[in-house]
Amino acid sequence: MHIRVSRAGGFAGIERHAEVDTSGRPDASEWHALAEQAAAEGHSQPPLGVPDGFSYEITVDGRTFYAADPRLTREQRMLISRVLEEGA
């Protein structure tokens, strides 16, 4: 599974991108479950956020969904954090 997160917005307006390929990872099933749960609550179009909040474009194996602060689900927040921390 290939997961890509693009973050935009925030106070400084700095964009950040990271991706993770779960192929061959011992925790791949954990990533898959988290990605599916996060996608289930995603939006097909970028939702309205709040001033200085972050907005996210998340692509999982070619399927893209959108989310924005402060209305991230727990799973979306976890997935975004993991990809931005562990991804390249």
N, C-alpha and C. Protein backbone atom coordinates (compact mmCIF):
# COMPACT_ATOMS: atom_id res chain seq x y z
N MET A 1 0.85 -1.17 0.00
CA MET A 1 0.00 0.00 0.00
C MET A 1 0.90 1.24 0.00
N HIS A 2 0.54 2.19 -0.84
CA HIS A 2 1.28 3.44 -0.92
C HIS A 2 0.39 4.55 -0.38
N ILE A 3 0.89 5.30 0.62
CA ILE A 3 0.12 6.37 1.26
C ILE A 3 0.89 7.66 1.13
N ARG A 4 0.21 8.70 0.66
CA ARG A 4 0.82 10.03 0.51
C ARG A 4 -0.05 11.06 1.23
N VAL A 5 0.59 11.92 1.99
CA VAL A 5 -0.11 13.01 2.70
C VAL A 5 0.50 14.33 2.26
N SER A 6 -0.37 15.26 1.89
CA SER A 6 0.04 16.63 1.59
C SER A 6 -0.71 17.53 2.56
N ARG A 7 0.05 18.35 3.29
CA ARG A 7 -0.54 19.27 4.26
C ARG A 7 -0.31 20.70 3.79
N ALA A 8 -1.35 21.51 3.84
CA ALA A 8 -1.26 22.91 3.45
C ALA A 8 -1.94 23.77 4.51
N GLY A 9 -1.63 25.05 4.49
CA GLY A 9 -2.28 25.97 5.41
C GLY A 9 -1.45 26.22 6.65
N GLY A 10 -2.14 26.44 7.75
CA GLY A 10 -1.46 26.77 8.99
C GLY A 10 -1.09 28.23 9.03
N PHE A 11 -0.59 28.67 10.14
CA PHE A 11 -0.26 30.08 10.34
C PHE A 11 0.76 30.58 9.33
N ALA A 12 1.79 29.77 9.06
CA ALA A 12 2.85 30.19 8.13
C ALA A 12 2.56 29.82 6.68
N GLY A 13 1.57 28.97 6.46
CA GLY A 13 1.21 28.59 5.10
C GLY A 13 2.23 27.69 4.41
N ILE A 14 3.03 26.99 5.20
CA ILE A 14 4.07 26.12 4.63
C ILE A 14 3.46 24.75 4.29
N GLU A 15 3.70 24.31 3.05
CA GLU A 15 3.22 22.99 2.63
C GLU A 15 4.23 21.92 3.01
N ARG A 16 3.70 20.73 3.29
CA ARG A 16 4.56 19.60 3.64
C ARG A 16 3.98 18.36 2.98
N HIS A 17 4.86 17.50 2.47
CA HIS A 17 4.45 16.27 1.79
C HIS A 17 5.30 15.12 2.33
N ALA A 18 4.69 13.96 2.45
CA ALA A 18 5.43 12.75 2.84
C ALA A 18 4.67 11.55 2.30
N GLU A 19 5.39 10.47 2.08
CA GLU A 19 4.77 9.23 1.62
C GLU A 19 5.41 8.03 2.28
N VAL A 20 4.61 6.98 2.39
CA VAL A 20 5.06 5.73 2.99
C VAL A 20 4.59 4.60 2.07
N ASP A 21 5.49 3.65 1.82
CA ASP A 21 5.13 2.43 1.10
C ASP A 21 5.19 1.31 2.14
N THR A 22 4.07 0.67 2.37
CA THR A 22 4.00 -0.35 3.43
C THR A 22 4.45 -1.73 2.95
N SER A 23 4.77 -1.88 1.68
CA SER A 23 5.19 -3.18 1.15
C SER A 23 6.37 -3.72 1.93
N GLY A 24 6.22 -4.94 2.42
CA GLY A 24 7.31 -5.60 3.12
C GLY A 24 7.51 -5.16 4.56
N ARG A 25 6.72 -4.23 5.04
CA ARG A 25 6.86 -3.78 6.42
C ARG A 25 6.17 -4.78 7.34
N PRO A 26 6.76 -5.05 8.50
CA PRO A 26 6.13 -5.98 9.43
C PRO A 26 4.80 -5.45 9.99
N ASP A 27 4.62 -4.13 9.97
CA ASP A 27 3.39 -3.52 10.49
C ASP A 27 2.42 -3.11 9.38
N ALA A 28 2.56 -3.72 8.20
CA ALA A 28 1.75 -3.34 7.04
C ALA A 28 0.26 -3.49 7.31
N SER A 29 -0.16 -4.55 7.99
CA SER A 29 -1.59 -4.75 8.23
C SER A 29 -2.15 -3.64 9.13
N GLU A 30 -1.35 -3.16 10.05
CA GLU A 30 -1.75 -2.05 10.92
C GLU A 30 -1.96 -0.77 10.10
N TRP A 31 -1.02 -0.49 9.18
CA TRP A 31 -1.14 0.66 8.30
C TRP A 31 -2.39 0.55 7.43
N HIS A 32 -2.63 -0.64 6.89
CA HIS A 32 -3.79 -0.85 6.00
C HIS A 32 -5.09 -0.56 6.74
N ALA A 33 -5.22 -1.11 7.95
CA ALA A 33 -6.44 -0.90 8.73
C ALA A 33 -6.64 0.58 9.04
N LEU A 34 -5.57 1.26 9.44
CA LEU A 34 -5.65 2.67 9.77
C LEU A 34 -6.02 3.51 8.54
N ALA A 35 -5.42 3.20 7.41
CA ALA A 35 -5.70 3.94 6.17
C ALA A 35 -7.16 3.74 5.74
N GLU A 36 -7.67 2.54 5.84
CA GLU A 36 -9.06 2.27 5.46
C GLU A 36 -10.04 3.01 6.37
N GLN A 37 -9.75 3.02 7.67
CA GLN A 37 -10.61 3.74 8.62
C GLN A 37 -10.57 5.24 8.36
N ALA A 38 -9.39 5.77 8.09
CA ALA A 38 -9.25 7.21 7.82
C ALA A 38 -9.98 7.59 6.54
N ALA A 39 -9.88 6.77 5.53
CA ALA A 39 -10.51 7.06 4.24
C ALA A 39 -12.04 7.00 4.34
N ALA A 40 -12.55 6.14 5.20
CA ALA A 40 -14.00 5.98 5.33
C ALA A 40 -14.69 7.28 5.74
N GLU A 41 -13.99 8.14 6.46
CA GLU A 41 -14.58 9.40 6.92
C GLU A 41 -14.06 10.61 6.13
N GLY A 42 -13.32 10.34 5.05
CA GLY A 42 -12.77 11.42 4.25
C GLY A 42 -13.80 12.05 3.33
N HIS A 43 -13.45 13.18 2.77
CA HIS A 43 -14.33 13.92 1.85
C HIS A 43 -13.80 13.78 0.42
N SER A 44 -14.72 13.79 -0.53
CA SER A 44 -14.31 13.69 -1.93
C SER A 44 -13.80 15.03 -2.47
N GLN A 45 -14.14 16.12 -1.81
CA GLN A 45 -13.67 17.46 -2.16
C GLN A 45 -13.07 18.10 -0.91
N PRO A 46 -12.14 19.02 -1.06
CA PRO A 46 -11.56 19.67 0.12
C PRO A 46 -12.65 20.38 0.94
N PRO A 47 -12.78 20.02 2.23
CA PRO A 47 -13.78 20.68 3.07
C PRO A 47 -13.29 22.06 3.51
N LEU A 48 -14.23 22.89 3.92
CA LEU A 48 -13.86 24.19 4.47
C LEU A 48 -13.19 23.96 5.83
N GLY A 49 -12.08 24.62 6.01
CA GLY A 49 -11.38 24.52 7.28
C GLY A 49 -11.62 25.76 8.10
N VAL A 50 -10.68 26.06 8.96
CA VAL A 50 -10.74 27.26 9.80
C VAL A 50 -9.52 28.11 9.48
N PRO A 51 -9.58 29.41 9.75
CA PRO A 51 -8.40 30.25 9.50
C PRO A 51 -7.19 29.68 10.24
N ASP A 52 -6.06 29.65 9.57
CA ASP A 52 -4.80 29.15 10.10
C ASP A 52 -4.81 27.66 10.45
N GLY A 53 -5.82 26.93 10.02
CA GLY A 53 -5.87 25.49 10.23
C GLY A 53 -5.22 24.78 9.05
N PHE A 54 -4.91 23.52 9.25
CA PHE A 54 -4.31 22.73 8.19
C PHE A 54 -5.40 22.02 7.38
N SER A 55 -5.13 21.85 6.10
CA SER A 55 -5.97 21.02 5.25
C SER A 55 -5.08 19.92 4.67
N TYR A 56 -5.67 18.77 4.40
CA TYR A 56 -4.91 17.60 4.01
C TYR A 56 -5.49 16.96 2.77
N GLU A 57 -4.59 16.53 1.89
CA GLU A 57 -4.94 15.68 0.76
C GLU A 57 -4.24 14.36 1.03
N ILE A 58 -5.01 13.29 1.10
CA ILE A 58 -4.46 11.97 1.45
C ILE A 58 -4.79 11.01 0.32
N THR A 59 -3.76 10.37 -0.20
CA THR A 59 -3.95 9.41 -1.29
C THR A 59 -3.47 8.04 -0.81
N VAL A 60 -4.37 7.06 -0.93
CA VAL A 60 -4.07 5.68 -0.54
C VAL A 60 -4.27 4.82 -1.77
N ASP A 61 -3.18 4.28 -2.28
CA ASP A 61 -3.23 3.43 -3.48
C ASP A 61 -4.05 4.07 -4.61
N GLY A 62 -3.79 5.34 -4.88
CA GLY A 62 -4.44 6.01 -5.98
C GLY A 62 -5.80 6.62 -5.68
N ARG A 63 -6.38 6.35 -4.53
CA ARG A 63 -7.66 6.94 -4.13
C ARG A 63 -7.39 8.13 -3.23
N THR A 64 -7.89 9.30 -3.61
CA THR A 64 -7.62 10.52 -2.86
C THR A 64 -8.85 10.96 -2.09
N PHE A 65 -8.62 11.38 -0.85
CA PHE A 65 -9.67 12.00 -0.05
C PHE A 65 -9.07 13.19 0.69
N TYR A 66 -9.95 14.00 1.26
CA TYR A 66 -9.53 15.26 1.88
C TYR A 66 -10.06 15.35 3.30
N ALA A 67 -9.34 16.12 4.12
CA ALA A 67 -9.74 16.37 5.49
C ALA A 67 -9.17 17.72 5.91
N ALA A 68 -9.71 18.29 6.98
CA ALA A 68 -9.24 19.60 7.44
C ALA A 68 -9.41 19.72 8.94
N ASP A 69 -8.50 20.47 9.55
CA ASP A 69 -8.64 20.81 10.97
C ASP A 69 -9.84 21.72 11.12
N PRO A 70 -10.54 21.69 12.18
CA PRO A 70 -10.37 20.86 13.37
C PRO A 70 -11.21 19.59 13.34
N ARG A 71 -11.76 19.24 12.18
CA ARG A 71 -12.69 18.12 12.11
C ARG A 71 -12.05 16.83 11.60
N LEU A 72 -10.86 16.53 12.07
CA LEU A 72 -10.23 15.26 11.73
C LEU A 72 -10.75 14.17 12.66
N THR A 73 -10.95 12.99 12.11
CA THR A 73 -11.28 11.86 12.99
C THR A 73 -9.99 11.41 13.68
N ARG A 74 -10.15 10.61 14.70
CA ARG A 74 -8.98 10.07 15.42
C ARG A 74 -8.07 9.31 14.46
N GLU A 75 -8.66 8.50 13.59
CA GLU A 75 -7.88 7.70 12.65
C GLU A 75 -7.17 8.57 11.62
N GLN A 76 -7.84 9.61 11.13
CA GLN A 76 -7.20 10.52 10.19
C GLN A 76 -6.00 11.20 10.84
N ARG A 77 -6.19 11.68 12.07
CA ARG A 77 -5.09 12.35 12.78
C ARG A 77 -3.90 11.39 12.98
N MET A 78 -4.20 10.14 13.35
CA MET A 78 -3.14 9.16 13.55
C MET A 78 -2.41 8.86 12.25
N LEU A 79 -3.15 8.65 11.16
CA LEU A 79 -2.53 8.34 9.88
C LEU A 79 -1.67 9.51 9.41
N ILE A 80 -2.20 10.71 9.47
CA ILE A 80 -1.45 11.89 9.04
C ILE A 80 -0.17 12.03 9.84
N SER A 81 -0.26 11.89 11.15
CA SER A 81 0.93 12.01 12.00
C SER A 81 1.98 10.96 11.66
N ARG A 82 1.53 9.72 11.50
CA ARG A 82 2.49 8.66 11.19
C ARG A 82 3.18 8.86 9.86
N VAL A 83 2.41 9.23 8.84
CA VAL A 83 3.01 9.43 7.51
C VAL A 83 3.99 10.61 7.56
N LEU A 84 3.59 11.70 8.18
CA LEU A 84 4.48 12.87 8.22
C LEU A 84 5.73 12.61 9.06
N GLU A 85 5.63 11.76 10.08
CA GLU A 85 6.79 11.44 10.92
C GLU A 85 7.70 10.40 10.27
N GLU A 86 7.11 9.34 9.71
CA GLU A 86 7.90 8.22 9.20
C GLU A 86 8.18 8.26 7.71
N GLY A 87 7.41 9.07 6.99
CA GLY A 87 7.53 9.09 5.54
C GLY A 87 8.69 9.92 5.03
N ALA A 88 8.93 9.73 3.76
CA ALA A 88 10.00 10.47 3.10
C ALA A 88 9.41 11.52 2.19
